[in-house]
Amino acid sequence: MIRADTNVVLSLLMPPRRSEASRIVEQAETFGPFVVSECVFVEVCWVLESVYSIRRGDVALMIGDALQSEHLVSWDAALSRRALGIMGANERLSAVDALLAAHAADGDMIFTLDRALASTIQNL
């Protein structure tokens, strides 16, 4: 298994960074797809929103498409899809909150003081 860091994922997603993408693609073709871990998922969301000023719903779509590519896979495909769906449907929730809500949908108990997150979990 080969894991991707945030810069690898961003190189595949963002045109200004694509100069590195060919080397990354070569590695993926040699060793298999890069696994995007939960922490990298969150950081990529944060960078796309804060540095590149991409709307949260669009970030969810971009990452969803990337995780269906031949070069990147999620640490947990079902959980990441669920989190991206939640994030895309409710732009008030950060990637972390969307992941927590996705965990709640899987039956985990989540304790929070965040009203938006609590409301989202209650409405799942």
C-alpha atoms as a PDB file:
ATOM      1  CA  MET A   1       0.000   0.000   0.000  1.00  0.00           C
ATOM      2  CA  ILE A   2       1.228   3.443  -0.864  1.00  0.00           C
ATOM      3  CA  ARG A   3      -0.278   6.435   0.935  1.00  0.00           C
ATOM      4  CA  ALA A   4      -0.652   9.900  -0.518  1.00  0.00           C
ATOM      5  CA  ASP A   5       0.052  13.077   1.368  1.00  0.00           C
ATOM      6  CA  THR A   6      -1.882  16.279   0.817  1.00  0.00           C
ATOM      7  CA  ASN A   7       0.551  17.563  -1.827  1.00  0.00           C
ATOM      8  CA  VAL A   8       0.125  14.423  -3.936  1.00  0.00           C
ATOM      9  CA  VAL A   9      -3.652  14.771  -3.926  1.00  0.00           C
ATOM     10  CA  LEU A  10      -3.484  18.499  -4.675  1.00  0.00           C
ATOM     11  CA  SER A  11      -1.061  17.857  -7.552  1.00  0.00           C
ATOM     12  CA  LEU A  12      -3.644  15.611  -9.147  1.00  0.00           C
ATOM     13  CA  LEU A  13      -6.533  18.012  -8.502  1.00  0.00           C
ATOM     14  CA  MET A  14      -5.213  21.483  -9.238  1.00  0.00           C
ATOM     15  CA  PRO A  15      -4.017  22.550 -12.710  1.00  0.00           C
ATOM     16  CA  PRO A  16      -1.240  24.871 -11.438  1.00  0.00           C
ATOM     17  CA  ARG A  17       0.282  21.913  -9.631  1.00  0.00           C
ATOM     18  CA  ARG A  18      -0.034  19.361 -12.441  1.00  0.00           C
ATOM     19  CA  SER A  19       3.652  19.544 -13.359  1.00  0.00           C
ATOM     20  CA  GLU A  20       4.192  16.983 -10.604  1.00  0.00           C
ATOM     21  CA  ALA A  21       1.210  14.874 -11.677  1.00  0.00           C
ATOM     22  CA  SER A  22       2.985  12.837 -14.374  1.00  0.00           C
ATOM     23  CA  ARG A  23       5.508  11.521 -11.841  1.00  0.00           C
ATOM     24  CA  ILE A  24       2.692  10.697  -9.438  1.00  0.00           C
ATOM     25  CA  VAL A  25       0.746   8.869 -12.140  1.00  0.00           C
ATOM     26  CA  GLU A  26       3.850   6.831 -13.002  1.00  0.00           C
ATOM     27  CA  GLN A  27       4.189   5.791  -9.372  1.00  0.00           C
ATOM     28  CA  ALA A  28       0.510   4.831  -9.196  1.00  0.00           C
ATOM     29  CA  GLU A  29       0.827   2.772 -12.370  1.00  0.00           C
ATOM     30  CA  THR A  30       3.858   0.983 -10.899  1.00  0.00           C
ATOM     31  CA  PHE A  31       2.714   0.454  -7.315  1.00  0.00           C
ATOM     32  CA  GLY A  32      -1.060   0.775  -7.476  1.00  0.00           C
ATOM     33  CA  PRO A  33      -3.335   3.610  -6.439  1.00  0.00           C
ATOM     34  CA  PHE A  34      -2.431   5.938  -3.610  1.00  0.00           C
ATOM     35  CA  VAL A  35      -4.529   5.586  -0.471  1.00  0.00           C
ATOM     36  CA  VAL A  36      -5.939   8.861   0.823  1.00  0.00           C
ATOM     37  CA  SER A  37      -6.175   8.625   4.603  1.00  0.00           C
ATOM     38  CA  GLU A  38      -8.757  10.383   6.731  1.00  0.00           C
ATOM     39  CA  CYS A  39      -6.327  13.090   7.890  1.00  0.00           C
ATOM     40  CA  VAL A  40      -5.213  13.834   4.312  1.00  0.00           C
ATOM     41  CA  PHE A  41      -8.862  13.950   3.213  1.00  0.00           C
ATOM     42  CA  VAL A  42      -9.551  16.643   5.825  1.00  0.00           C
ATOM     43  CA  GLU A  43      -6.435  18.644   5.000  1.00  0.00           C
ATOM     44  CA  VAL A  44      -7.122  18.567   1.255  1.00  0.00           C
ATOM     45  CA  CYS A  45     -10.646  19.872   1.910  1.00  0.00           C
ATOM     46  CA  TRP A  46      -9.252  22.661   4.069  1.00  0.00           C
ATOM     47  CA  VAL A  47      -6.607  23.675   1.498  1.00  0.00           C
ATOM     48  CA  LEU A  48      -9.078  23.687  -1.391  1.00  0.00           C
ATOM     49  CA  GLU A  49     -11.458  25.884   0.581  1.00  0.00           C
ATOM     50  CA  SER A  50      -9.031  28.259   2.272  1.00  0.00           C
ATOM     51  CA  VAL A  51      -6.149  28.556  -0.201  1.00  0.00           C
ATOM     52  CA  TYR A  52      -7.980  28.070  -3.506  1.00  0.00           C
ATOM     53  CA  SER A  53     -11.327  29.589  -2.349  1.00  0.00           C
ATOM     54  CA  ILE A  54     -13.367  26.693  -3.723  1.00  0.00           C
ATOM     55  CA  ARG A  55     -16.912  26.327  -2.382  1.00  0.00           C
ATOM     56  CA  ARG A  56     -17.387  23.426   0.015  1.00  0.00           C
ATOM     57  CA  GLY A  57     -19.948  21.729  -2.246  1.00  0.00           C
ATOM     58  CA  ASP A  58     -17.536  21.919  -5.173  1.00  0.00           C
ATOM     59  CA  VAL A  59     -14.742  20.561  -2.974  1.00  0.00           C
ATOM     60  CA  ALA A  60     -16.951  17.571  -2.162  1.00  0.00           C
ATOM     61  CA  LEU A  61     -17.527  16.944  -5.878  1.00  0.00           C
ATOM     62  CA  MET A  62     -13.827  17.323  -6.755  1.00  0.00           C
ATOM     63  CA  ILE A  63     -12.665  14.934  -4.077  1.00  0.00           C
ATOM     64  CA  GLY A  64     -15.447  12.481  -4.851  1.00  0.00           C
ATOM     65  CA  ASP A  65     -14.359  12.376  -8.490  1.00  0.00           C
ATOM     66  CA  ALA A  66     -10.695  12.038  -7.514  1.00  0.00           C
ATOM     67  CA  LEU A  67     -11.429   9.107  -5.203  1.00  0.00           C
ATOM     68  CA  GLN A  68     -13.094   7.310  -8.099  1.00  0.00           C
ATOM     69  CA  SER A  69     -10.038   7.714 -10.319  1.00  0.00           C
ATOM     70  CA  GLU A  70      -7.533   4.990 -11.011  1.00  0.00           C
ATOM     71  CA  HIS A  71      -4.805   6.826  -9.073  1.00  0.00           C
ATOM     72  CA  LEU A  72      -6.457   7.536  -5.703  1.00  0.00           C
ATOM     73  CA  VAL A  73      -8.555   5.437  -3.355  1.00  0.00           C
ATOM     74  CA  SER A  74     -10.088   6.217  -0.010  1.00  0.00           C
ATOM     75  CA  TRP A  75      -9.063   4.663   3.288  1.00  0.00           C
ATOM     76  CA  ASP A  76     -12.782   3.753   3.604  1.00  0.00           C
ATOM     77  CA  ALA A  77     -14.783   4.160   0.413  1.00  0.00           C
ATOM     78  CA  ALA A  78     -18.256   3.985   1.960  1.00  0.00           C
ATOM     79  CA  LEU A  79     -17.448   6.378   4.799  1.00  0.00           C
ATOM     80  CA  SER A  80     -15.748   8.933   2.564  1.00  0.00           C
ATOM     81  CA  ARG A  81     -18.642   8.844   0.050  1.00  0.00           C
ATOM     82  CA  ARG A  82     -21.120   9.362   2.875  1.00  0.00           C
ATOM     83  CA  ALA A  83     -19.056  12.232   4.338  1.00  0.00           C
ATOM     84  CA  LEU A  84     -18.730  13.909   0.932  1.00  0.00           C
ATOM     85  CA  GLY A  85     -22.477  13.606   0.407  1.00  0.00           C
ATOM     86  CA  ILE A  86     -23.146  15.194   3.793  1.00  0.00           C
ATOM     87  CA  MET A  87     -20.593  17.920   3.147  1.00  0.00           C
ATOM     88  CA  GLY A  88     -22.039  18.673  -0.281  1.00  0.00           C
ATOM     89  CA  ALA A  89     -25.597  18.821   1.060  1.00  0.00           C
ATOM     90  CA  ASN A  90     -24.780  21.029   4.034  1.00  0.00           C
ATOM     91  CA  GLU A  91     -22.061  23.573   3.316  1.00  0.00           C
ATOM     92  CA  ARG A  92     -22.125  24.750   6.932  1.00  0.00           C
ATOM     93  CA  LEU A  93     -20.366  21.542   7.940  1.00  0.00           C
ATOM     94  CA  SER A  94     -16.604  21.258   7.659  1.00  0.00           C
ATOM     95  CA  ALA A  95     -14.953  18.087   6.390  1.00  0.00           C
ATOM     96  CA  VAL A  96     -14.314  17.022   9.991  1.00  0.00           C
ATOM     97  CA  ASP A  97     -17.965  17.522  10.934  1.00  0.00           C
ATOM     98  CA  ALA A  98     -19.105  15.706   7.801  1.00  0.00           C
ATOM     99  CA  LEU A  99     -16.848  12.776   8.719  1.00  0.00           C
ATOM    100  CA  LEU A 100     -18.273  12.724  12.242  1.00  0.00           C
ATOM    101  CA  ALA A 101     -21.801  12.759  10.834  1.00  0.00           C
ATOM    102  CA  ALA A 102     -20.865   9.902   8.489  1.00  0.00           C
ATOM    103  CA  HIS A 103     -19.556   7.950  11.479  1.00  0.00           C
ATOM    104  CA  ALA A 104     -22.855   8.645  13.248  1.00  0.00           C
ATOM    105  CA  ALA A 105     -24.721   7.292  10.221  1.00  0.00           C
ATOM    106  CA  ASP A 106     -22.687   4.107  10.687  1.00  0.00           C
ATOM    107  CA  GLY A 107     -23.993   3.838  14.236  1.00  0.00           C
ATOM    108  CA  ASP A 108     -21.202   5.537  16.188  1.00  0.00           C
ATOM    109  CA  MET A 109     -22.289   7.832  18.992  1.00  0.00           C
ATOM    110  CA  ILE A 110     -20.979  11.352  18.517  1.00  0.00           C
ATOM    111  CA  PHE A 111     -21.052  13.865  21.345  1.00  0.00           C
ATOM    112  CA  THR A 112     -20.868  17.460  20.175  1.00  0.00           C
ATOM    113  CA  LEU A 113     -21.618  20.983  21.304  1.00  0.00           C
ATOM    114  CA  ASP A 114     -21.816  22.120  17.663  1.00  0.00           C
ATOM    115  CA  ARG A 115     -25.485  22.806  16.886  1.00  0.00           C
ATOM    116  CA  ALA A 116     -25.145  22.385  13.126  1.00  0.00           C
ATOM    117  CA  LEU A 117     -23.426  19.022  13.542  1.00  0.00           C
ATOM    118  CA  ALA A 118     -25.915  17.882  16.191  1.00  0.00           C
ATOM    119  CA  SER A 119     -28.820  18.860  13.950  1.00  0.00           C
ATOM    120  CA  THR A 120     -27.305  17.055  10.976  1.00  0.00           C
ATOM    121  CA  ILE A 121     -26.759  13.886  13.025  1.00  0.00           C
ATOM    122  CA  GLN A 122     -30.291  14.065  14.411  1.00  0.00           C
ATOM    123  CA  ASN A 123     -31.699  14.323  10.875  1.00  0.00           C
ATOM    124  CA  LEU A 124     -29.772  11.374   9.430  1.00  0.00           C
END
